Amino acid sequence: MELDAAKMIGAGLAVIGLSGVGSGIGSIFSSLVSSVSRNPASRPQIFGLAILGFALVEAVALYALLIAFLILFG
């Protein structure tokens, strides 16, 4: 029973990174909206960078979930 409890605690600690991912994605898109509202002509250039930033931040979330699943079911 102690091994199962340790797995649950370890998976919970591995998923803590998802809170940072949520705030990172919010920051990216709030900056996107702010910059497009200031200069609408630069939207195509800024939007590509925002999507790249979103993908990189989302990769951190996928890695955190992968580690949590490896701890639980590995």
N, C-alpha and C. Protein backbone atom coordinates (compact mmCIF):
# COMPACT_ATOMS: atom_id res chain seq x y z
N MET A 1 0.82 -1.19 0.00
CA MET A 1 0.00 0.00 0.00
C MET A 1 0.86 1.26 0.00
N GLU A 2 2.01 1.22 0.60
CA GLU A 2 2.86 2.40 0.66
C GLU A 2 3.41 2.78 -0.71
N LEU A 3 3.66 1.79 -1.56
CA LEU A 3 4.15 2.08 -2.91
C LEU A 3 3.10 2.80 -3.73
N ASP A 4 1.85 2.41 -3.60
CA ASP A 4 0.77 3.09 -4.32
C ASP A 4 0.62 4.53 -3.86
N ALA A 5 0.75 4.76 -2.57
CA ALA A 5 0.66 6.12 -2.04
C ALA A 5 1.81 6.97 -2.55
N ALA A 6 3.01 6.39 -2.60
CA ALA A 6 4.16 7.14 -3.10
C ALA A 6 4.00 7.47 -4.58
N LYS A 7 3.40 6.54 -5.33
CA LYS A 7 3.15 6.82 -6.75
C LYS A 7 2.17 7.96 -6.93
N MET A 8 1.13 7.98 -6.11
CA MET A 8 0.15 9.06 -6.21
C MET A 8 0.76 10.41 -5.84
N ILE A 9 1.57 10.43 -4.82
CA ILE A 9 2.22 11.67 -4.41
C ILE A 9 3.20 12.13 -5.49
N GLY A 10 3.96 11.22 -6.05
CA GLY A 10 4.91 11.57 -7.11
C GLY A 10 4.21 12.09 -8.35
N ALA A 11 3.10 11.48 -8.73
CA ALA A 11 2.35 11.95 -9.89
C ALA A 11 1.76 13.33 -9.62
N GLY A 12 1.30 13.56 -8.41
CA GLY A 12 0.77 14.87 -8.06
C GLY A 12 1.85 15.94 -8.11
N LEU A 13 3.04 15.61 -7.66
CA LEU A 13 4.14 16.57 -7.72
C LEU A 13 4.58 16.83 -9.16
N ALA A 14 4.49 15.81 -10.02
CA ALA A 14 4.87 15.98 -11.42
C ALA A 14 3.90 16.89 -12.15
N VAL A 15 2.67 16.94 -11.70
CA VAL A 15 1.64 17.73 -12.39
C VAL A 15 1.62 19.18 -11.89
N ILE A 16 2.40 19.52 -10.90
CA ILE A 16 2.45 20.89 -10.40
C ILE A 16 2.86 21.86 -11.51
N GLY A 17 3.66 21.39 -12.45
CA GLY A 17 4.08 22.24 -13.56
C GLY A 17 2.94 22.74 -14.43
N LEU A 18 1.79 22.10 -14.35
CA LEU A 18 0.66 22.53 -15.16
C LEU A 18 0.10 23.88 -14.72
N SER A 19 0.31 24.25 -13.49
CA SER A 19 -0.15 25.58 -13.06
C SER A 19 0.67 26.67 -13.74
N GLY A 20 1.94 26.43 -13.90
CA GLY A 20 2.78 27.39 -14.62
C GLY A 20 2.44 27.45 -16.09
N VAL A 21 2.03 26.32 -16.65
CA VAL A 21 1.64 26.29 -18.05
C VAL A 21 0.38 27.12 -18.26
N GLY A 22 -0.56 27.01 -17.36
CA GLY A 22 -1.79 27.80 -17.48
C GLY A 22 -1.53 29.29 -17.43
N SER A 23 -0.70 29.71 -16.52
CA SER A 23 -0.39 31.14 -16.44
C SER A 23 0.46 31.59 -17.62
N GLY A 24 1.31 30.72 -18.13
CA GLY A 24 2.12 31.06 -19.31
C GLY A 24 1.29 31.25 -20.55
N ILE A 25 0.32 30.36 -20.76
CA ILE A 25 -0.56 30.50 -21.92
C ILE A 25 -1.41 31.76 -21.80
N GLY A 26 -1.89 32.04 -20.61
CA GLY A 26 -2.65 33.27 -20.40
C GLY A 26 -1.82 34.51 -20.66
N SER A 27 -0.59 34.48 -20.25
CA SER A 27 0.30 35.61 -20.48
C SER A 27 0.58 35.81 -21.97
N ILE A 28 0.79 34.71 -22.69
CA ILE A 28 1.06 34.80 -24.12
C ILE A 28 -0.11 35.44 -24.85
N PHE A 29 -1.31 34.95 -24.58
CA PHE A 29 -2.45 35.46 -25.34
C PHE A 29 -2.91 36.83 -24.86
N SER A 30 -2.67 37.18 -23.60
CA SER A 30 -2.98 38.54 -23.18
C SER A 30 -2.03 39.53 -23.84
N SER A 31 -0.76 39.14 -24.00
CA SER A 31 0.18 40.00 -24.71
C SER A 31 -0.17 40.10 -26.19
N LEU A 32 -0.68 39.01 -26.76
CA LEU A 32 -1.10 39.03 -28.16
C LEU A 32 -2.25 40.00 -28.36
N VAL A 33 -3.25 39.93 -27.51
CA VAL A 33 -4.41 40.81 -27.64
C VAL A 33 -3.99 42.27 -27.43
N SER A 34 -3.14 42.50 -26.47
CA SER A 34 -2.68 43.86 -26.20
C SER A 34 -1.89 44.43 -27.37
N SER A 35 -0.99 43.64 -27.93
CA SER A 35 -0.17 44.14 -29.03
C SER A 35 -0.97 44.32 -30.31
N VAL A 36 -1.95 43.45 -30.59
CA VAL A 36 -2.78 43.61 -31.78
C VAL A 36 -3.72 44.81 -31.62
N SER A 37 -4.18 45.06 -30.40
CA SER A 37 -5.04 46.23 -30.21
C SER A 37 -4.26 47.53 -30.36
N ARG A 38 -2.97 47.51 -30.07
CA ARG A 38 -2.16 48.71 -30.24
C ARG A 38 -1.77 48.93 -31.70
N ASN A 39 -1.48 47.82 -32.43
CA ASN A 39 -1.05 47.93 -33.82
C ASN A 39 -1.67 46.79 -34.62
N PRO A 40 -2.85 46.98 -35.16
CA PRO A 40 -3.53 45.90 -35.88
C PRO A 40 -2.81 45.45 -37.15
N ALA A 41 -1.99 46.29 -37.73
CA ALA A 41 -1.29 45.93 -38.97
C ALA A 41 -0.23 44.86 -38.74
N SER A 42 0.23 44.71 -37.54
CA SER A 42 1.29 43.73 -37.26
C SER A 42 0.74 42.38 -36.84
N ARG A 43 -0.56 42.16 -36.98
CA ARG A 43 -1.18 40.92 -36.52
C ARG A 43 -0.58 39.66 -37.16
N PRO A 44 -0.38 39.60 -38.49
CA PRO A 44 0.15 38.34 -39.06
C PRO A 44 1.52 37.95 -38.50
N GLN A 45 2.36 38.93 -38.28
CA GLN A 45 3.70 38.63 -37.76
C GLN A 45 3.65 38.23 -36.29
N ILE A 46 2.86 38.90 -35.50
CA ILE A 46 2.78 38.62 -34.07
C ILE A 46 2.04 37.32 -33.80
N PHE A 47 1.02 37.03 -34.61
CA PHE A 47 0.23 35.83 -34.37
C PHE A 47 1.06 34.56 -34.53
N GLY A 48 1.94 34.53 -35.50
CA GLY A 48 2.82 33.37 -35.69
C GLY A 48 3.73 33.15 -34.50
N LEU A 49 4.26 34.23 -33.96
CA LEU A 49 5.12 34.11 -32.78
C LEU A 49 4.32 33.66 -31.56
N ALA A 50 3.09 34.12 -31.45
CA ALA A 50 2.25 33.71 -30.32
C ALA A 50 1.93 32.22 -30.40
N ILE A 51 1.64 31.72 -31.58
CA ILE A 51 1.35 30.30 -31.74
C ILE A 51 2.60 29.46 -31.45
N LEU A 52 3.77 29.95 -31.86
CA LEU A 52 5.01 29.24 -31.53
C LEU A 52 5.23 29.20 -30.02
N GLY A 53 5.01 30.33 -29.35
CA GLY A 53 5.13 30.36 -27.89
C GLY A 53 4.13 29.44 -27.22
N PHE A 54 2.90 29.42 -27.73
CA PHE A 54 1.88 28.52 -27.19
C PHE A 54 2.30 27.06 -27.34
N ALA A 55 2.85 26.71 -28.49
CA ALA A 55 3.27 25.32 -28.71
C ALA A 55 4.40 24.93 -27.77
N LEU A 56 5.34 25.83 -27.55
CA LEU A 56 6.46 25.51 -26.65
C LEU A 56 6.00 25.38 -25.21
N VAL A 57 5.08 26.23 -24.79
CA VAL A 57 4.57 26.15 -23.42
C VAL A 57 3.71 24.89 -23.26
N GLU A 58 2.93 24.58 -24.28
CA GLU A 58 2.08 23.39 -24.21
C GLU A 58 2.92 22.11 -24.18
N ALA A 59 4.11 22.14 -24.78
CA ALA A 59 5.00 20.98 -24.73
C ALA A 59 5.41 20.68 -23.29
N VAL A 60 5.59 21.71 -22.49
CA VAL A 60 5.93 21.51 -21.08
C VAL A 60 4.79 20.77 -20.37
N ALA A 61 3.55 21.13 -20.72
CA ALA A 61 2.40 20.45 -20.12
C ALA A 61 2.36 18.98 -20.52
N LEU A 62 2.65 18.70 -21.77
CA LEU A 62 2.64 17.31 -22.22
C LEU A 62 3.74 16.50 -21.55
N TYR A 63 4.90 17.12 -21.36
CA TYR A 63 5.98 16.42 -20.66
C TYR A 63 5.61 16.14 -19.20
N ALA A 64 4.96 17.09 -18.56
CA ALA A 64 4.55 16.89 -17.17
C ALA A 64 3.53 15.75 -17.06
N LEU A 65 2.58 15.72 -17.99
CA LEU A 65 1.60 14.63 -17.98
C LEU A 65 2.25 13.28 -18.29
N LEU A 66 3.21 13.29 -19.21
CA LEU A 66 3.92 12.07 -19.53
C LEU A 66 4.66 11.52 -18.32
N ILE A 67 5.34 12.37 -17.59
CA ILE A 67 6.05 11.94 -16.38
C ILE A 67 5.07 11.42 -15.34
N ALA A 68 3.93 12.11 -15.19
CA ALA A 68 2.95 11.65 -14.21
C ALA A 68 2.40 10.28 -14.58
N PHE A 69 2.12 10.06 -15.86
CA PHE A 69 1.62 8.75 -16.29
C PHE A 69 2.68 7.67 -16.15
N LEU A 70 3.94 8.03 -16.41
CA LEU A 70 5.01 7.05 -16.23
C LEU A 70 5.16 6.66 -14.76
N ILE A 71 4.99 7.62 -13.89
CA ILE A 71 5.08 7.32 -12.46
C ILE A 71 3.92 6.43 -12.02
N LEU A 72 2.72 6.75 -12.50
CA LEU A 72 1.55 6.00 -12.08
C LEU A 72 1.51 4.59 -12.66
N PHE A 73 1.77 4.48 -13.95
CA PHE A 73 1.54 3.20 -14.63
C PHE A 73 2.81 2.50 -15.07
N GLY A 74 3.97 3.09 -14.77
CA GLY A 74 5.23 2.49 -15.21
C GLY A 74 5.84 1.55 -14.21
